[in-house]
């Protein structure tokens, strides 16, 4: 099929590769514009732009798709279908209508649960036992379109958003290739009204750990915000990012740091598995403790 691909971050790259490997013709790749990054603040291409250029594909990164010129340029590609995954711009109706078979979105949740910007983070933070990907026909509403295909997967008890992100990216890549190969036989399924939840964008203010909370809440927060933005606390005034955890047993006042980087919570305790000290790389918790002279006995 002749496809316009629309995506921006690392999550989208395996999908682009899968479409190319399946033999589809990529008419153009749309992504977010390069933005300043690094110490030199030089413009850095997005992961999708870098991969598309390496594959020799045409790349476009308009700031907006709301003007008539951008919409005409999109329509002129004559695509049968557009595949959209974590693109980052709202598609106006003229763009949704341009491809002969419309636009398909790969969404990283089991819709209608976790519509919106941060479905992977929110699934882990809520303690969901499973999640997945949906191939959805796009319409004007926020992730409200009918679903063509679903793929589910369990969320591990100590899984982080980072590891789940990578698994769902690959799951989405295989799902869209399957959906395109069986497009004629798939029946769109309207999303039910019951069970709708919204995955709000992660606010950095959510990342401060409150050790008076139950251990289940603290554990989900740590794993749900790993690797970015990273749940954090302080130890003797130093800011620590905690990037991996599991439930544990330990008594004491909330914030008490015990053997094996176990921390007491308001109810129960968590065992921290990965830590990043200020100005240092992320390391296994045991490695951090071995190199930390005068390690504190509590975290704030």
Protein backbone atom coordinates (compact mmCIF):
# COMPACT_ATOMS: atom_id res chain seq x y z
CA UNK A 1 0.00 0.00 0.00
CA UNK A 2 1.05 3.61 -0.50
CA UNK A 3 1.33 4.98 3.03
CA UNK A 4 2.06 8.28 4.73
CA UNK A 5 3.79 7.57 8.04
CA UNK A 6 3.38 10.05 10.90
CA UNK A 7 5.40 9.62 14.09
CA UNK A 8 8.13 11.30 16.11
CA UNK A 9 9.79 9.56 19.12
CA UNK A 10 11.66 6.29 19.63
CA UNK A 11 8.35 4.48 20.14
CA UNK A 12 7.46 5.08 16.48
CA UNK A 13 10.71 3.85 14.91
CA UNK A 14 10.02 0.06 15.01
CA UNK A 15 6.66 0.73 13.36
CA UNK A 16 8.31 2.55 10.45
CA UNK A 17 10.84 -0.26 10.08
CA UNK A 18 8.09 -2.88 10.10
CA UNK A 19 6.12 -1.09 7.36
CA UNK A 20 9.22 -0.84 5.18
CA UNK A 21 10.15 -4.48 5.81
CA UNK A 22 6.61 -5.55 4.87
CA UNK A 23 7.08 -3.96 1.43
CA UNK A 24 4.75 -0.98 1.77
CA UNK A 25 5.54 2.17 -0.20
CA UNK A 26 6.21 5.09 2.14
CA UNK A 27 5.10 8.20 0.26
CA UNK A 28 6.48 10.52 2.94
CA UNK A 29 7.31 10.56 6.63
CA UNK A 30 5.87 13.31 8.85
CA UNK A 31 7.40 14.07 12.24
CA UNK A 32 8.02 16.94 14.66
CA UNK A 33 10.67 19.50 13.63
CA UNK A 34 14.24 19.24 14.95
CA UNK A 35 14.64 21.05 18.26
CA UNK A 36 17.62 22.39 20.24
CA UNK A 37 19.18 19.73 22.47
CA UNK A 38 22.42 18.96 24.29
CA UNK A 39 25.00 21.34 25.69
CA UNK A 40 25.43 23.18 22.42
CA UNK A 41 21.66 23.57 21.97
CA UNK A 42 21.99 22.60 18.33
CA UNK A 43 18.92 21.41 16.45
CA UNK A 44 18.63 17.65 16.82
CA UNK A 45 16.46 15.55 14.51
CA UNK A 46 13.79 13.40 16.10
CA UNK A 47 14.35 9.62 16.20
CA UNK A 48 11.86 9.13 13.35
CA UNK A 49 13.52 11.77 11.18
CA UNK A 50 16.93 10.19 11.72
CA UNK A 51 15.66 6.72 10.88
CA UNK A 52 13.64 7.86 7.86
CA UNK A 53 16.60 9.70 6.39
CA UNK A 54 18.79 6.63 6.94
CA UNK A 55 16.20 4.64 4.95
CA UNK A 56 16.25 7.24 2.17
CA UNK A 57 12.66 8.36 2.74
CA UNK A 58 11.25 11.84 2.21
CA UNK A 59 10.78 13.61 5.55
CA UNK A 60 8.46 16.52 6.27
CA UNK A 61 8.07 18.36 9.56
CA UNK A 62 5.52 21.16 9.25
CA UNK A 63 4.91 23.19 12.40
CA UNK A 64 1.17 22.91 11.80
CA UNK A 65 -1.23 21.04 9.53
CA UNK A 66 -4.02 23.57 9.94
CA UNK A 67 -3.16 25.79 6.98
CA UNK A 68 -4.40 25.15 3.46
CA UNK A 69 -0.92 24.79 1.96
CA UNK A 70 0.14 22.04 4.37
CA UNK A 71 -3.15 20.21 3.80
CA UNK A 72 -2.79 20.46 0.02
CA UNK A 73 0.78 19.12 0.21
CA UNK A 74 -0.45 16.19 2.28
CA UNK A 75 -3.33 15.40 -0.07
CA UNK A 76 -1.05 15.60 -3.12
CA UNK A 77 0.85 12.54 -1.88
CA UNK A 78 -2.08 10.39 -3.01
CA UNK A 79 -1.75 7.96 -0.11
CA UNK A 80 -4.12 5.05 0.33
CA UNK A 81 -3.78 5.29 4.09
CA UNK A 82 -1.89 7.14 6.82
CA UNK A 83 -0.35 5.32 9.78
CA UNK A 84 -0.02 7.54 12.85
CA UNK A 85 1.86 6.67 16.05
CA UNK A 86 2.91 9.25 18.65
CA UNK A 87 3.08 12.01 16.04
CA UNK A 88 2.48 14.96 18.35
CA UNK A 89 0.14 17.14 16.26
CA UNK A 90 -3.65 17.07 16.09
CA UNK A 91 -4.80 16.11 12.59
CA UNK A 92 -7.51 18.42 11.20
CA UNK A 93 -10.44 16.89 9.38
CA UNK A 94 -9.01 17.75 5.95
CA UNK A 95 -5.95 15.62 6.73
CA UNK A 96 -8.01 12.78 8.21
CA UNK A 97 -10.09 12.70 5.03
CA UNK A 98 -7.23 12.92 2.51
CA UNK A 99 -6.04 9.29 2.30
CA UNK A 100 -8.42 7.02 0.39
CA UNK A 101 -8.78 4.68 3.38
CA UNK A 102 -8.38 7.28 6.09
CA UNK A 103 -5.88 7.35 8.95
CA UNK A 104 -5.01 4.54 11.36
CA UNK A 105 -3.57 5.26 14.78
CA UNK A 106 -1.53 2.87 16.92
CA UNK A 107 -2.47 3.65 20.52
CA UNK A 108 -0.61 2.11 23.46
CA UNK A 109 -3.53 1.04 25.63
CA UNK A 110 -6.62 -1.15 25.54
CA UNK A 111 -9.14 1.52 24.57
CA UNK A 112 -11.30 3.07 25.91
CA UNK A 113 -8.98 2.85 28.94
CA UNK A 114 -6.21 5.45 28.93
CA UNK A 115 -7.08 7.70 26.05
CA UNK A 116 -4.67 10.60 25.80
CA UNK A 117 -1.01 11.53 26.09
CA UNK A 118 0.60 9.15 28.61
CA UNK A 119 -1.14 5.76 28.48
CA UNK A 120 1.94 3.67 29.33
CA UNK A 121 2.90 5.72 32.37
CA UNK A 122 -0.66 5.79 33.66
CA UNK A 123 -1.20 2.05 33.26
CA UNK A 124 1.85 1.29 35.42
CA UNK A 125 1.05 4.02 37.95
CA UNK A 126 -2.51 2.72 38.32
CA UNK A 127 -1.33 -0.85 38.93
CA UNK A 128 -3.07 -2.27 35.85
CA UNK A 129 -2.46 -5.99 35.40
CA UNK A 130 -2.52 -5.74 31.60
CA UNK A 131 -2.37 -3.30 28.75
CA UNK A 132 -1.77 -3.52 25.02
CA UNK A 133 -2.10 -1.71 21.71
CA UNK A 134 -5.11 -0.84 19.58
CA UNK A 135 -5.20 -0.13 15.86
CA UNK A 136 -7.85 2.56 15.66
CA UNK A 137 -9.56 4.44 12.84
CA UNK A 138 -8.91 8.09 13.55
CA UNK A 139 -11.65 10.67 13.90
CA UNK A 140 -11.81 14.20 15.30
CA UNK A 141 -12.20 13.11 18.97
CA UNK A 142 -9.27 12.27 21.28
CA UNK A 143 -8.65 8.53 20.73
CA UNK A 144 -12.38 7.94 20.29
CA UNK A 145 -12.41 6.15 16.93
CA UNK A 146 -13.51 2.57 16.28
CA UNK A 147 -10.93 -0.15 16.94
CA UNK A 148 -9.92 -2.56 14.18
CA UNK A 149 -7.51 -4.77 16.09
CA UNK A 150 -6.31 -5.29 19.67
CA UNK A 151 -3.21 -6.95 21.09
CA UNK A 152 -2.90 -7.34 24.87
CA UNK A 153 0.02 -8.09 27.17
CA UNK A 154 0.51 -8.53 30.91
CA UNK A 155 2.34 -5.89 32.94
CA UNK A 156 5.07 -7.46 35.09
CA UNK A 157 4.97 -6.89 38.85
CA UNK A 158 8.28 -4.99 38.75
CA UNK A 159 8.03 -3.68 35.18
CA UNK A 160 8.88 -0.05 34.49
CA UNK A 161 7.36 2.28 31.95
CA UNK A 162 10.64 2.06 30.03
CA UNK A 163 10.55 -1.71 29.55
CA UNK A 164 6.81 -1.71 28.83
CA UNK A 165 7.29 1.12 26.30
CA UNK A 166 9.76 -1.00 24.32
CA UNK A 167 7.51 -4.09 24.36
CA UNK A 168 4.44 -2.14 23.26
CA UNK A 169 6.39 -0.47 20.46
CA UNK A 170 7.26 -3.87 18.99
CA UNK A 171 3.71 -5.13 19.60
CA UNK A 172 2.30 -2.13 17.76
CA UNK A 173 4.68 -2.71 14.84
CA UNK A 174 3.52 -6.29 14.34
CA UNK A 175 -0.14 -5.33 14.89
CA UNK A 176 -0.21 -2.64 12.19
CA UNK A 177 1.43 -4.94 9.63
CA UNK A 178 -1.18 -7.58 10.45
CA UNK A 179 -4.02 -5.06 10.27
CA UNK A 180 -2.93 -3.73 6.87
CA UNK A 181 -2.66 -7.24 5.46
CA UNK A 182 -6.23 -8.05 6.58
CA UNK A 183 -7.83 -4.63 6.20
CA UNK A 184 -10.76 -5.88 4.11
CA UNK A 185 -11.83 -8.48 6.67
CA UNK A 186 -11.45 -6.42 9.88
CA UNK A 187 -14.66 -5.01 11.34
CA UNK A 188 -14.43 -1.65 13.14
CA UNK A 189 -15.63 -1.95 16.74
CA UNK A 190 -17.08 1.15 18.33
CA UNK A 191 -15.58 1.94 21.73
CA UNK A 192 -17.97 1.47 24.66
CA UNK A 193 -18.94 4.40 26.84
CA UNK A 194 -18.16 2.42 29.98
CA UNK A 195 -14.54 2.22 31.09
CA UNK A 196 -13.30 5.48 29.58
CA UNK A 197 -10.26 6.91 31.38
CA UNK A 198 -7.85 9.66 30.37
CA UNK A 199 -4.07 9.47 30.54
CA UNK A 200 -3.10 13.04 31.35
CA UNK A 201 0.37 14.21 30.41
CA UNK A 202 2.88 13.57 33.19
CA UNK A 203 3.49 16.62 35.36
CA UNK A 204 6.94 16.76 36.99
CA UNK A 205 5.21 17.85 40.20
CA UNK A 206 3.89 14.29 40.48
CA UNK A 207 7.40 12.87 40.73
CA UNK A 208 8.24 13.77 44.37
CA UNK A 209 7.95 10.63 46.53
CA UNK A 210 5.85 10.83 49.69
CA UNK A 211 7.10 8.07 51.99
CA UNK A 212 3.97 8.30 54.15
CA UNK A 213 1.98 6.79 51.27
CA UNK A 214 1.37 3.00 51.14
CA UNK A 215 4.19 0.97 49.60
CA UNK A 216 1.96 -0.10 46.69
CA UNK A 217 1.48 3.54 45.69
CA UNK A 218 5.17 4.38 46.05
CA UNK A 219 6.24 1.32 44.07
CA UNK A 220 3.85 2.13 41.21
CA UNK A 221 5.02 5.75 41.14
CA UNK A 222 8.70 4.75 40.94
CA UNK A 223 8.15 2.19 38.19
CA UNK A 224 5.62 4.34 36.34
CA UNK A 225 7.98 7.34 36.12
CA UNK A 226 11.06 5.31 35.14
CA UNK A 227 13.09 6.32 33.24
CA UNK A 228 11.45 9.72 32.66
CA UNK A 229 10.95 12.00 34.45
CA UNK A 230 12.04 9.76 37.33
CA UNK A 231 10.46 9.66 40.79
CA UNK A 232 12.71 11.41 43.29
CA UNK A 233 13.41 12.07 46.93
CA UNK A 234 16.23 13.60 48.97
CA UNK A 235 18.97 12.09 51.12
CA UNK A 236 20.91 14.53 53.33
CA UNK A 237 19.92 17.29 50.91
CA UNK A 238 21.01 15.38 47.80
CA UNK A 239 18.36 14.66 45.17
CA UNK A 240 18.04 11.00 44.22
CA UNK A 241 16.12 9.53 41.32
CA UNK A 242 14.70 6.09 42.08
CA UNK A 243 14.23 4.12 38.86
CA UNK A 244 13.30 0.58 39.88
CA UNK A 245 11.51 -1.01 42.81
CA UNK A 246 9.48 -3.87 44.23
CA UNK A 247 7.47 -4.49 47.39
CA UNK A 248 9.31 -5.56 50.56
CA UNK A 249 8.93 -6.03 54.33
CA UNK A 250 10.47 -3.59 56.79
CA UNK A 251 9.25 -1.74 59.86
CA UNK A 252 10.10 1.73 61.08
CA UNK A 253 9.20 5.34 60.44
CA UNK A 254 8.34 6.32 56.85
CA UNK A 255 11.51 7.04 54.91
CA UNK A 256 13.75 4.75 56.99
CA UNK A 257 16.52 3.34 54.78
CA UNK A 258 17.35 -0.24 55.65
CA UNK A 259 19.56 -3.05 54.32
CA UNK A 260 19.56 -3.62 50.57
CA UNK A 261 18.13 -0.15 49.90
CA UNK A 262 14.77 -1.05 51.44
CA UNK A 263 12.68 1.98 52.43
CA UNK A 264 9.79 1.97 54.89
CA UNK A 265 6.54 3.54 53.72
CA UNK A 266 3.34 4.55 55.49
CA UNK A 267 2.20 0.95 55.01
CA UNK A 268 4.77 -1.68 54.08
CA UNK A 269 8.08 -1.00 52.37
CA UNK A 270 9.74 -0.92 48.96
CA UNK A 271 13.04 -2.40 47.85
CA UNK A 272 14.83 -0.01 45.50
CA UNK A 273 16.69 -1.72 42.65
CA UNK A 274 18.04 1.20 40.60
CA UNK A 275 19.20 4.65 41.71
CA UNK A 276 20.67 7.77 40.14
CA UNK A 277 22.56 10.17 42.39
CA UNK A 278 22.99 13.81 41.45
CA UNK A 279 25.53 14.24 38.66
CA UNK A 280 26.02 10.51 38.22
CA UNK A 281 24.73 7.76 35.95
CA UNK A 282 21.94 5.40 36.98
CA UNK A 283 23.27 2.31 38.78
CA UNK A 284 22.01 -0.79 40.56
CA UNK A 285 21.11 0.07 44.15
CA UNK A 286 23.72 -2.29 45.60
CA UNK A 287 26.45 -0.60 43.57
CA UNK A 288 25.31 2.80 44.80
CA UNK A 289 25.41 1.72 48.44
CA UNK A 290 28.87 0.16 48.12
CA UNK A 291 30.29 3.41 46.77
CA UNK A 292 28.41 5.75 49.09
CA UNK A 293 30.52 6.69 52.10
CA UNK A 294 28.38 7.86 54.97
CA UNK A 295 25.12 6.72 53.35
CA UNK A 296 22.09 8.20 55.15
CA UNK A 297 19.74 6.16 57.30
CA UNK A 298 16.61 7.80 55.95
CA UNK A 299 15.20 9.40 52.81
CA UNK A 300 13.04 12.52 52.69
